[in-house]
Amino acid sequence: MPTTGTVRIEHDLLGDKPVPADAYWGVHTARARENFPITGATISAYPHLVTALAAVKEAAALANHELGLLPTDLTKAIVTACREIRGGALHDQFVVDAIQGGAGTSTNMNANEVIANRALEHLGHARGDYARLHPNEHVNLSQSTNDAYPTAVNVATIVSLRGLADAMRVLEESFARKADEFADVLKMGRTQLQDAVPMTVGQEFRTYAVMLGEDRARLEESAALLHEINLGATAIGTGLNAPAGYAEAACRHLREITGLPLVTAADLIEATQDCGAFVHLSGVLKRVAVKLSKTCNDLRLLSSGPRAGFNEINLPPVQAGSSIMPGKVNPVIPEVVNQVAFEVIGNDVAVTMAAEAGQLQLNAFEPLIWKSLAASISHLESACLVLAARCVDGITVNAEVTRAYVEHSIGLVTALNPTIGYEAATAIAREALTSGRGVAELVLEHGLLDADRLAALLQPEVLARPQAAAHA
């Protein structure tokens, strides 16, 4: 194509268009940049997707060569370009907005053009010399956006989830360490924000670790669904313009490139239009967000005060809390994690609506699905790591405060009920409530138990682990 000064002229069905001479992207990408100035976040901001696109194109080239459709020299040039991109090169050339019309066609063409132009250089030709190697005719051979793009999204999402799972494990282990540290610190459990029965701070923190472990398992289950791909489906799942054996060969090569146990969907027409795996994953991410937010609500409540709140635990101070109130320190780390959770819950609604809006043989809204999932995964990963390192690892407990709550709580009579009897326990509860005095103090005063017996009954292993204590 002719190059004059700083531009080269490329051609598509709408006519000629100037493209920056030094750009690896081409005319389709240029039009997409004009058409979709939406978020300001280009697909280069999602390196897992860029890498996955290159992996899909490499697998396609190898399959096409294996089946005799792509000459050796072109195959080598395309594969070399794809491996450079998978190694981190040229990511800045992926310049279309993440949100776009066309079911991801602009993203697919951005990849085709960058790979084609880099491959042309490997062949000794100028960028834009598509008569020798073409973005559609060669890089996109035997493919459609409708199978290449969703396959890349699946691969990118699987890889992204590894980082989230690792971050959740870090946070889980942080809570587990605190559970061990606080194992014998007695406190009052609460239901509906009212005194319930005694427990330990360790038991409370163990719960947070267990919840994260459960959610990691659900995350692994949802990731397993993404290993079914529709590469080879081409436009709607019938495999039009792809040779016999292509789907199997492309999937095999993609398995080898990515190291993932990918499989070709049993019904490619169904797989091309169905976004069920994304909806399922989004629901799991929402589950993680909801429980993580609940945990942060607890941390903020338990650390409230220090003089006019619960004051049971201390969150590590990480910054001054107020521009007007000297000495104030706020629970800013749990607060930021709460906000990430709110975002993830909103993203789940976006994924749900985008999946529901699919029509007939294709869902045109996968760009929004990908962007929403990518944001949820990335932000949850960061939130877990920040919560562990900047908050949970540094939490301390006010054991005297938690013990005093137990000894003065009306709820303590529930634990003493089997020993002093229901009627006596009711009378003690009533007197404690009206007088404001502690249950333990009144039990001693009325001679219901001696000091040694009461002290034995108020041990953490008896109050918080009664069944274990009974069998000791």
Protein backbone atom coordinates (compact mmCIF):
# COMPACT_ATOMS: atom_id res chain seq x y z
CA MET A 1 0.00 0.00 0.00
CA PRO A 2 1.28 3.51 -0.69
CA THR A 3 2.94 5.32 2.18
CA THR A 4 3.27 9.11 2.17
CA GLY A 5 5.00 10.84 5.04
CA THR A 6 3.61 9.64 8.34
CA VAL A 7 0.67 7.64 7.00
CA ARG A 8 -0.04 4.69 4.74
CA ILE A 9 -3.32 4.23 2.88
CA GLU A 10 -5.33 1.08 3.53
CA HIS A 11 -8.59 -0.02 1.94
CA ASP A 12 -11.73 -1.79 3.17
CA LEU A 13 -15.33 -2.09 1.99
CA LEU A 14 -15.98 1.55 2.95
CA GLY A 15 -13.04 2.82 0.89
CA ASP A 16 -9.54 4.18 1.50
CA LYS A 17 -8.36 5.40 4.87
CA PRO A 18 -5.04 6.76 6.12
CA VAL A 19 -3.35 4.77 8.90
CA PRO A 20 -0.24 5.90 10.82
CA ALA A 21 2.75 4.52 8.93
CA ASP A 22 4.35 3.16 12.09
CA ALA A 23 1.19 1.45 13.37
CA TYR A 24 0.94 -2.33 13.34
CA TRP A 25 -2.85 -2.06 13.34
CA GLY A 26 -4.74 -1.29 10.17
CA VAL A 27 -7.90 0.10 8.63
CA HIS A 28 -10.46 -1.90 10.58
CA THR A 29 -8.83 -0.92 13.86
CA ALA A 30 -8.67 2.70 12.73
CA ARG A 31 -12.40 2.78 12.12
CA ALA A 32 -13.10 1.05 15.43
CA ARG A 33 -11.07 3.67 17.29
CA GLU A 34 -13.32 6.34 15.80
CA ASN A 35 -16.54 4.41 16.37
CA PHE A 36 -16.03 3.32 19.99
CA PRO A 37 -14.54 6.09 22.15
CA ILE A 38 -16.43 4.70 25.13
CA THR A 39 -14.39 3.76 28.20
CA GLY A 40 -10.90 4.97 27.41
CA ALA A 41 -9.65 1.49 28.38
CA THR A 42 -8.29 -0.31 25.34
CA ILE A 43 -7.78 -4.05 25.17
CA SER A 44 -4.06 -3.46 25.76
CA ALA A 45 -5.12 -2.88 29.40
CA TYR A 46 -6.02 -6.58 29.53
CA PRO A 47 -2.76 -8.44 28.85
CA HIS A 48 -4.33 -11.85 29.49
CA LEU A 49 -6.77 -11.23 26.62
CA VAL A 50 -4.06 -9.99 24.26
CA THR A 51 -1.93 -13.03 25.06
CA ALA A 52 -4.91 -15.35 24.60
CA LEU A 53 -5.75 -13.81 21.22
CA ALA A 54 -2.18 -14.46 20.07
CA ALA A 55 -2.40 -18.04 21.32
CA VAL A 56 -5.62 -18.62 19.38
CA LYS A 57 -4.11 -17.17 16.18
CA GLU A 58 -0.98 -19.28 16.59
CA ALA A 59 -3.04 -22.43 17.08
CA ALA A 60 -5.14 -21.59 14.03
CA ALA A 61 -2.05 -21.04 11.87
CA LEU A 62 -0.53 -24.35 12.95
CA ALA A 63 -3.80 -26.18 12.30
CA ASN A 64 -4.17 -24.58 8.87
CA HIS A 65 -0.61 -25.51 7.98
CA GLU A 66 -1.13 -29.05 9.20
CA LEU A 67 -4.19 -29.35 6.95
CA GLY A 68 -2.36 -27.91 3.94
CA LEU A 69 -4.12 -24.54 3.81
CA LEU A 70 -1.29 -22.22 4.87
CA PRO A 71 2.19 -22.21 3.28
CA THR A 72 5.17 -22.87 5.51
CA ASP A 73 6.72 -19.42 5.14
CA LEU A 74 3.51 -17.61 6.07
CA THR A 75 2.89 -20.02 8.94
CA LYS A 76 6.33 -19.42 10.40
CA ALA A 77 5.94 -15.66 10.13
CA ILE A 78 2.51 -15.67 11.79
CA VAL A 79 3.63 -18.06 14.55
CA THR A 80 6.71 -15.95 15.25
CA ALA A 81 4.61 -12.79 15.54
CA CYS A 82 2.14 -14.55 17.83
CA ARG A 83 4.92 -15.80 20.10
CA GLU A 84 6.37 -12.31 20.33
CA ILE A 85 2.99 -10.99 21.44
CA ARG A 86 2.60 -13.82 23.94
CA GLY A 87 6.01 -12.79 25.25
CA GLY A 88 4.78 -9.24 25.88
CA ALA A 89 5.68 -7.44 22.65
CA LEU A 90 3.34 -5.10 20.74
CA HIS A 91 0.64 -5.00 23.42
CA ASP A 92 0.50 -1.23 22.96
CA GLN A 93 -0.79 -1.86 19.42
CA PHE A 94 -4.05 -3.33 20.73
CA VAL A 95 -5.87 -0.01 20.72
CA VAL A 96 -9.60 -0.62 20.29
CA ASP A 97 -11.89 0.16 23.22
CA ALA A 98 -12.85 -2.80 25.38
CA ILE A 99 -16.53 -1.94 24.92
CA GLN A 100 -17.51 -2.12 21.25
CA GLY A 101 -20.30 -3.13 18.95
CA GLY A 102 -19.91 -6.07 16.62
CA ALA A 103 -19.56 -9.00 19.03
CA GLY A 104 -15.80 -8.49 19.36
CA THR A 105 -15.04 -8.16 15.65
CA SER A 106 -12.94 -5.05 16.22
CA THR A 107 -10.85 -6.85 18.83
CA ASN A 108 -10.39 -9.83 16.53
CA MET A 109 -9.40 -7.60 13.60
CA ASN A 110 -7.04 -5.57 15.76
CA ALA A 111 -5.27 -8.84 16.55
CA ASN A 112 -5.35 -9.97 12.89
CA GLU A 113 -3.85 -6.70 11.69
CA VAL A 114 -1.10 -6.48 14.30
CA ILE A 115 -0.07 -10.09 13.70
CA ALA A 116 -0.20 -9.68 9.91
CA ASN A 117 1.92 -6.55 9.89
CA ARG A 118 4.51 -7.99 12.26
CA ALA A 119 4.58 -11.20 10.20
CA LEU A 120 5.13 -9.12 7.06
CA GLU A 121 8.22 -7.62 8.67
CA HIS A 122 9.52 -11.10 9.42
CA LEU A 123 9.07 -11.90 5.72
CA GLY A 124 10.98 -8.75 4.75
CA HIS A 125 7.98 -6.77 3.58
CA ALA A 126 6.47 -3.43 4.60
CA ARG A 127 3.52 -3.05 6.94
CA GLY A 128 0.32 -2.88 4.95
CA ASP A 129 1.62 -5.05 2.08
CA TYR A 130 -1.37 -7.33 2.43
CA ALA A 131 -1.03 -8.84 -1.04
CA ARG A 132 1.74 -10.97 0.49
CA LEU A 133 0.13 -11.76 3.84
CA HIS A 134 -3.40 -10.64 4.67
CA PRO A 135 -5.12 -10.15 8.06
CA ASN A 136 -8.30 -11.91 6.88
CA GLU A 137 -7.06 -14.30 4.23
CA HIS A 138 -4.17 -15.72 6.27
CA VAL A 139 -4.22 -14.71 9.96
CA ASN A 140 -7.98 -15.22 10.22
CA LEU A 141 -8.03 -18.30 7.97
CA SER A 142 -10.67 -20.92 8.97
CA GLN A 143 -11.94 -18.61 11.70
CA SER A 144 -14.66 -16.14 12.52
CA THR A 145 -14.73 -13.55 15.27
CA ASN A 146 -17.54 -15.68 16.67
CA ASP A 147 -15.25 -18.57 17.55
CA ALA A 148 -11.82 -16.91 17.85
CA TYR A 149 -12.90 -14.13 20.23
CA PRO A 150 -14.95 -16.27 22.68
CA THR A 151 -12.16 -18.85 22.79
CA ALA A 152 -9.65 -16.14 23.65
CA VAL A 153 -11.99 -14.80 26.33
CA ASN A 154 -12.26 -18.26 27.86
CA VAL A 155 -8.50 -18.74 27.91
CA ALA A 156 -7.87 -15.25 29.32
CA THR A 157 -10.47 -15.73 32.03
CA ILE A 158 -9.07 -19.10 33.11
CA VAL A 159 -5.61 -17.57 33.48
CA SER A 160 -6.99 -14.53 35.33
CA LEU A 161 -8.79 -16.74 37.82
CA ARG A 162 -5.51 -18.30 38.92
CA GLY A 163 -4.38 -14.96 40.29
CA LEU A 164 -7.65 -14.47 42.16
CA ALA A 165 -7.55 -17.96 43.64
CA ASP A 166 -3.97 -17.38 44.82
CA ALA A 167 -4.94 -14.05 46.41
CA MET A 168 -7.91 -15.63 48.17
CA ARG A 169 -5.59 -18.30 49.57
CA VAL A 170 -3.27 -15.56 50.93
CA LEU A 171 -6.21 -13.91 52.71
CA GLU A 172 -7.53 -17.26 53.92
CA GLU A 173 -4.17 -18.08 55.48
CA SER A 174 -4.00 -14.63 57.08
CA PHE A 175 -7.35 -15.17 58.79
CA ALA A 176 -6.32 -18.70 59.79
CA ARG A 177 -3.16 -17.38 61.49
CA LYS A 178 -5.25 -14.88 63.45
CA ALA A 179 -7.67 -17.66 64.37
CA ASP A 180 -4.79 -19.58 65.93
CA GLU A 181 -3.45 -16.46 67.64
CA PHE A 182 -6.83 -15.61 69.19
CA ALA A 183 -7.89 -19.21 69.89
CA ASP A 184 -8.29 -18.71 73.67
CA VAL A 185 -9.57 -15.13 73.71
CA LEU A 186 -13.11 -15.31 75.09
CA LYS A 187 -15.77 -13.00 73.70
CA MET A 188 -19.52 -12.68 73.40
CA GLY A 189 -21.16 -13.96 70.25
CA ARG A 190 -24.01 -11.89 68.88
CA THR A 191 -27.08 -12.59 66.80
CA GLN A 192 -29.11 -9.72 65.36
CA LEU A 193 -26.61 -7.43 67.14
CA GLN A 194 -27.88 -8.73 70.50
CA ASP A 195 -25.88 -10.74 73.04
CA ALA A 196 -26.04 -14.45 72.25
CA VAL A 197 -23.64 -16.98 73.80
CA PRO A 198 -19.88 -16.97 74.42
CA MET A 199 -17.32 -17.97 71.81
CA THR A 200 -13.68 -17.14 71.10
CA VAL A 201 -12.24 -14.52 68.80
CA GLY A 202 -10.35 -17.40 67.20
CA GLN A 203 -13.61 -19.11 66.26
CA GLU A 204 -14.88 -15.87 64.79
CA PHE A 205 -11.78 -15.45 62.60
CA ARG A 206 -11.72 -19.14 61.66
CA THR A 207 -15.12 -18.62 60.06
CA TYR A 208 -13.68 -16.01 57.70
CA ALA A 209 -10.91 -18.40 56.64
CA VAL A 210 -13.39 -21.24 56.06
CA MET A 211 -15.64 -19.04 53.91
CA LEU A 212 -12.73 -18.11 51.66
CA GLY A 213 -11.72 -21.76 51.30
CA GLU A 214 -15.24 -22.71 50.28
CA ASP A 215 -15.37 -19.93 47.71
CA ARG A 216 -12.02 -20.93 46.22
CA ALA A 217 -13.47 -24.38 45.59
CA ARG A 218 -16.51 -22.86 43.87
CA LEU A 219 -14.18 -20.71 41.77
CA GLU A 220 -12.32 -23.80 40.57
CA GLU A 221 -15.61 -25.43 39.61
CA SER A 222 -16.67 -22.42 37.56
CA ALA A 223 -13.27 -22.24 35.85
CA ALA A 224 -13.65 -25.86 34.76
CA LEU A 225 -16.69 -24.90 32.65
CA LEU A 226 -14.58 -22.45 30.64
CA HIS A 227 -12.32 -25.20 29.29
CA GLU A 228 -14.97 -26.07 26.70
CA ILE A 229 -14.32 -23.90 23.63
CA ASN A 230 -15.99 -23.32 20.26
CA LEU A 231 -12.88 -22.81 18.12
CA GLY A 232 -13.73 -24.24 14.70
CA ALA A 233 -17.36 -23.19 14.90
CA THR A 234 -16.69 -20.20 12.60
CA ALA A 235 -19.74 -17.94 12.17
CA ILE A 236 -22.62 -19.74 13.89
CA GLY A 237 -21.30 -23.19 14.80
CA THR A 238 -21.69 -25.02 11.50
CA GLY A 239 -17.96 -24.75 10.74
CA LEU A 240 -18.52 -23.07 7.37
CA ASN A 241 -15.17 -22.22 5.65
CA ALA A 242 -13.18 -24.43 8.01
CA PRO A 243 -11.84 -27.73 6.64
CA ALA A 244 -12.66 -31.13 8.11
CA GLY A 245 -10.49 -31.82 11.13
CA TYR A 246 -9.72 -28.16 11.75
CA ALA A 247 -11.60 -27.83 15.07
CA GLU A 248 -9.82 -30.83 16.54
CA ALA A 249 -6.40 -29.73 15.24
CA ALA A 250 -6.81 -26.13 16.42
CA CYS A 251 -7.95 -27.24 19.88
CA ARG A 252 -5.00 -29.65 20.13
CA HIS A 253 -2.52 -26.94 19.23
CA LEU A 254 -4.15 -24.48 21.63
CA ARG A 255 -3.89 -27.06 24.43
CA GLU A 256 -0.17 -27.41 23.71
CA ILE A 257 0.37 -23.63 23.56
CA THR A 258 -1.53 -22.76 26.73
CA GLY A 259 -1.02 -25.90 28.79
CA LEU A 260 -4.75 -25.88 29.52
CA PRO A 261 -6.94 -29.01 29.21
CA LEU A 262 -9.20 -27.42 26.60
CA VAL A 263 -11.85 -29.45 24.78
CA THR A 264 -14.00 -28.75 21.74
CA ALA A 265 -17.67 -28.32 22.59
CA ALA A 266 -19.86 -31.25 21.66
CA ASP A 267 -22.36 -28.94 19.94
CA LEU A 268 -20.66 -25.94 18.37
CA ILE A 269 -23.91 -24.20 17.46
CA GLU A 270 -24.98 -24.27 21.10
CA ALA A 271 -21.54 -23.24 22.31
CA THR A 272 -21.41 -20.25 19.96
CA GLN A 273 -24.57 -18.68 21.36
CA ASP A 274 -24.51 -19.84 25.00
CA CYS A 275 -22.99 -17.60 27.69
CA GLY A 276 -24.02 -19.83 30.59
CA ALA A 277 -20.46 -20.43 31.78
CA PHE A 278 -19.90 -16.68 32.08
CA VAL A 279 -23.15 -16.22 34.00
CA HIS A 280 -22.15 -19.03 36.35
CA LEU A 281 -18.70 -17.55 36.93
CA SER A 282 -20.13 -14.09 37.50
CA GLY A 283 -22.46 -15.55 40.12
CA VAL A 284 -19.51 -17.15 41.91
CA LEU A 285 -17.62 -13.85 41.83
CA LYS A 286 -20.67 -12.18 43.33
CA ARG A 287 -20.71 -14.87 46.03
CA VAL A 288 -17.07 -14.12 46.84
CA ALA A 289 -17.82 -10.39 46.91
CA VAL A 290 -20.86 -10.73 49.15
CA LYS A 291 -19.08 -12.82 51.75
CA LEU A 292 -15.94 -10.71 51.61
CA SER A 293 -18.04 -7.59 52.14
CA LYS A 294 -19.84 -9.21 55.08
CA THR A 295 -16.46 -10.03 56.61
CA CYS A 296 -15.35 -6.42 56.21
CA ASN A 297 -18.60 -5.22 57.78
CA ASP A 298 -17.73 -7.38 60.80
CA LEU A 299 -14.18 -6.03 61.01
CA ARG A 300 -15.45 -2.45 60.93
CA LEU A 301 -18.07 -3.18 63.58
CA LEU A 302 -15.77 -5.13 65.91
CA SER A 303 -13.13 -2.39 65.71
CA SER A 304 -15.61 0.47 66.18
CA GLY A 305 -14.78 3.02 68.84
CA PRO A 306 -12.31 3.14 70.37
CA ARG A 307 -14.28 4.61 73.27
CA ALA A 308 -17.87 4.57 72.03
CA GLY A 309 -17.98 1.35 70.00
CA PHE A 310 -17.34 -2.39 70.38
CA ASN A 311 -13.55 -1.93 70.58
CA GLU A 312 -12.98 -5.69 70.58
CA ILE A 313 -10.25 -5.65 67.96
CA ASN A 314 -7.80 -3.07 66.65
CA LEU A 315 -7.19 -2.66 62.93
CA PRO A 316 -3.69 -1.48 62.09
CA PRO A 317 -3.63 2.30 61.52
CA VAL A 318 -2.56 2.93 57.93
CA GLN A 319 -3.36 6.62 57.50
CA ALA A 320 -4.84 9.59 59.31
CA GLY A 321 -8.59 9.38 59.29
CA SER A 322 -9.81 12.94 59.22
CA SER A 323 -8.96 16.39 57.94
CA ILE A 324 -10.79 17.98 60.89
CA MET A 325 -10.77 15.50 63.82
CA PRO A 326 -7.26 15.03 65.25
CA GLY A 327 -6.29 11.50 66.19
CA LYS A 328 -9.13 9.83 64.27
CA VAL A 329 -8.23 6.62 62.43
CA ASN A 330 -10.73 5.03 60.07
CA PRO A 331 -11.13 1.42 58.83
CA VAL A 332 -10.12 2.44 55.30
CA ILE A 333 -8.94 -0.98 54.14
CA PRO A 334 -12.22 -2.79 54.89
CA GLU A 335 -14.03 0.19 53.38
CA VAL A 336 -12.19 -0.09 50.07
CA VAL A 337 -12.84 -3.83 49.97
CA ASN A 338 -16.55 -3.15 50.57
CA GLN A 339 -16.54 -0.87 47.54
CA VAL A 340 -14.87 -3.49 45.37
CA ALA A 341 -17.60 -5.90 46.45
CA PHE A 342 -20.31 -3.42 45.48
CA GLU A 343 -18.67 -3.04 42.05
CA VAL A 344 -18.54 -6.82 41.54
CA ILE A 345 -22.21 -7.15 42.43
CA GLY A 346 -23.01 -4.44 39.85
CA ASN A 347 -20.83 -6.20 37.28
CA ASP A 348 -22.83 -9.36 37.84
CA VAL A 349 -25.98 -7.49 36.83
CA ALA A 350 -24.21 -6.29 33.67
CA VAL A 351 -23.09 -9.84 32.80
CA THR A 352 -26.59 -11.14 33.44
CA MET A 353 -28.23 -8.58 31.16
CA ALA A 354 -25.60 -8.99 28.43
CA ALA A 355 -26.00 -12.77 28.45
CA GLU A 356 -29.80 -12.51 28.42
CA ALA A 357 -29.71 -10.07 25.48
CA GLY A 358 -28.18 -12.59 23.08
CA GLN A 359 -30.32 -13.33 20.05
CA LEU A 360 -30.56 -16.51 18.00
CA GLN A 361 -27.14 -17.91 17.00
CA LEU A 362 -24.83 -15.32 18.61
CA ASN A 363 -24.45 -13.07 21.62
CA ALA A 364 -23.22 -9.66 20.42
CA PHE A 365 -22.49 -8.41 23.92
CA GLU A 366 -19.51 -10.53 24.94
CA PRO A 367 -17.22 -7.46 25.04
CA LEU A 368 -19.20 -6.18 28.03
CA ILE A 369 -19.22 -9.65 29.58
CA TRP A 370 -15.44 -9.89 29.26
CA LYS A 371 -14.80 -6.38 30.59
CA SER A 372 -17.11 -6.93 33.56
CA LEU A 373 -15.60 -10.30 34.45
CA ALA A 374 -12.05 -9.01 34.00
CA ALA A 375 -12.70 -6.06 36.31
CA SER A 376 -14.34 -8.23 38.94
CA ILE A 377 -11.53 -10.79 38.90
CA SER A 378 -8.73 -8.23 38.91
CA HIS A 379 -10.24 -6.00 41.58
CA LEU A 380 -11.14 -8.89 43.87
CA GLU A 381 -7.59 -10.19 43.56
CA SER A 382 -6.16 -6.82 44.57
CA ALA A 383 -8.71 -6.42 47.35
CA CYS A 384 -7.83 -9.78 48.91
CA LEU A 385 -4.11 -9.03 48.86
CA VAL A 386 -4.57 -5.54 50.30
CA LEU A 387 -6.94 -6.77 53.02
CA ALA A 388 -4.48 -9.46 54.07
CA ALA A 389 -1.31 -7.34 54.04
CA ARG A 390 -2.67 -3.96 55.16
CA CYS A 391 -5.32 -5.08 57.63
CA VAL A 392 -5.74 -8.68 58.78
CA ASP A 393 -2.05 -9.42 59.34
CA GLY A 394 -1.84 -6.51 61.78
CA ILE A 395 -5.07 -7.01 63.74
CA THR A 396 -4.75 -7.17 67.53
CA VAL A 397 -7.40 -8.04 70.09
CA ASN A 398 -8.49 -6.27 73.27
CA ALA A 399 -8.84 -9.38 75.42
CA GLU A 400 -9.83 -7.46 78.57
CA VAL A 401 -12.67 -5.77 76.72
CA THR A 402 -13.99 -8.99 75.20
CA ARG A 403 -13.77 -10.80 78.57
CA ALA A 404 -15.63 -7.97 80.32
CA TYR A 405 -18.41 -8.17 77.76
CA VAL A 406 -18.79 -11.88 78.52
CA GLU A 407 -18.85 -11.43 82.28
CA HIS A 408 -21.37 -8.58 82.11
CA SER A 409 -23.56 -9.98 79.35
CA ILE A 410 -27.04 -11.23 80.12
CA GLY A 411 -26.30 -13.92 77.55
CA LEU A 412 -23.88 -15.59 79.96
CA VAL A 413 -26.80 -17.08 81.85
CA THR A 414 -27.48 -19.34 78.85
CA ALA A 415 -24.11 -20.99 79.41
CA LEU A 416 -24.76 -21.28 83.19
CA ASN A 417 -28.32 -22.53 82.77
CA PRO A 418 -27.43 -26.28 82.78
CA THR A 419 -25.56 -25.80 86.08
CA ILE A 420 -27.73 -23.41 88.12
CA GLY A 421 -31.10 -24.26 86.57
CA TYR A 422 -33.54 -22.39 84.38
CA GLU A 423 -35.46 -20.59 87.18
CA ALA A 424 -32.33 -19.35 88.90
CA ALA A 425 -30.82 -18.34 85.55
CA THR A 426 -33.96 -16.36 84.68
CA ALA A 427 -33.89 -14.54 88.00
CA ILE A 428 -30.21 -13.68 87.61
CA ALA A 429 -30.83 -12.42 84.07
CA ARG A 430 -33.68 -10.20 85.25
CA GLU A 431 -31.65 -8.75 88.11
CA ALA A 432 -28.61 -8.18 85.91
CA LEU A 433 -30.74 -6.37 83.38
CA THR A 434 -32.41 -4.07 85.88
CA SER A 435 -29.36 -3.40 88.04
CA GLY A 436 -26.73 -3.16 85.35
CA ARG A 437 -24.50 -5.56 87.30
CA GLY A 438 -22.65 -8.52 85.83
CA VAL A 439 -24.06 -12.06 85.72
CA ALA A 440 -20.94 -13.61 87.23
CA GLU A 441 -20.97 -11.12 90.09
CA LEU A 442 -24.63 -11.88 90.93
CA VAL A 443 -24.15 -15.65 90.73
CA LEU A 444 -21.43 -15.40 93.38
CA GLU A 445 -23.44 -12.99 95.52
CA HIS A 446 -26.45 -15.31 95.60
CA GLY A 447 -24.28 -18.29 96.41
CA LEU A 448 -25.39 -20.24 93.37
CA LEU A 449 -21.78 -21.24 92.65
CA ASP A 450 -18.49 -20.83 94.46
CA ALA A 451 -15.67 -18.86 92.89
CA ASP A 452 -13.66 -21.89 91.79
CA ARG A 453 -16.63 -23.58 90.16
CA LEU A 454 -17.67 -20.37 88.40
CA ALA A 455 -14.11 -19.76 87.16
CA ALA A 456 -14.00 -23.29 85.78
CA LEU A 457 -17.28 -22.79 83.93
CA LEU A 458 -16.04 -19.51 82.45
CA GLN A 459 -12.95 -21.03 80.84
CA PRO A 460 -12.86 -20.57 77.04
CA GLU A 461 -12.73 -24.31 76.40
CA VAL A 462 -15.94 -24.76 78.42
CA LEU A 463 -17.89 -21.78 77.17
CA ALA A 464 -16.83 -21.79 73.51
CA ARG A 465 -16.21 -25.53 73.00
CA PRO A 466 -18.64 -27.25 75.39
CA GLN A 467 -18.87 -30.53 73.50
CA ALA A 468 -15.10 -30.89 73.33
CA ALA A 469 -14.82 -30.01 77.04
CA ALA A 470 -17.47 -32.61 77.93
CA HIS A 471 -15.45 -35.36 76.26
CA ALA A 472 -12.10 -34.24 77.75
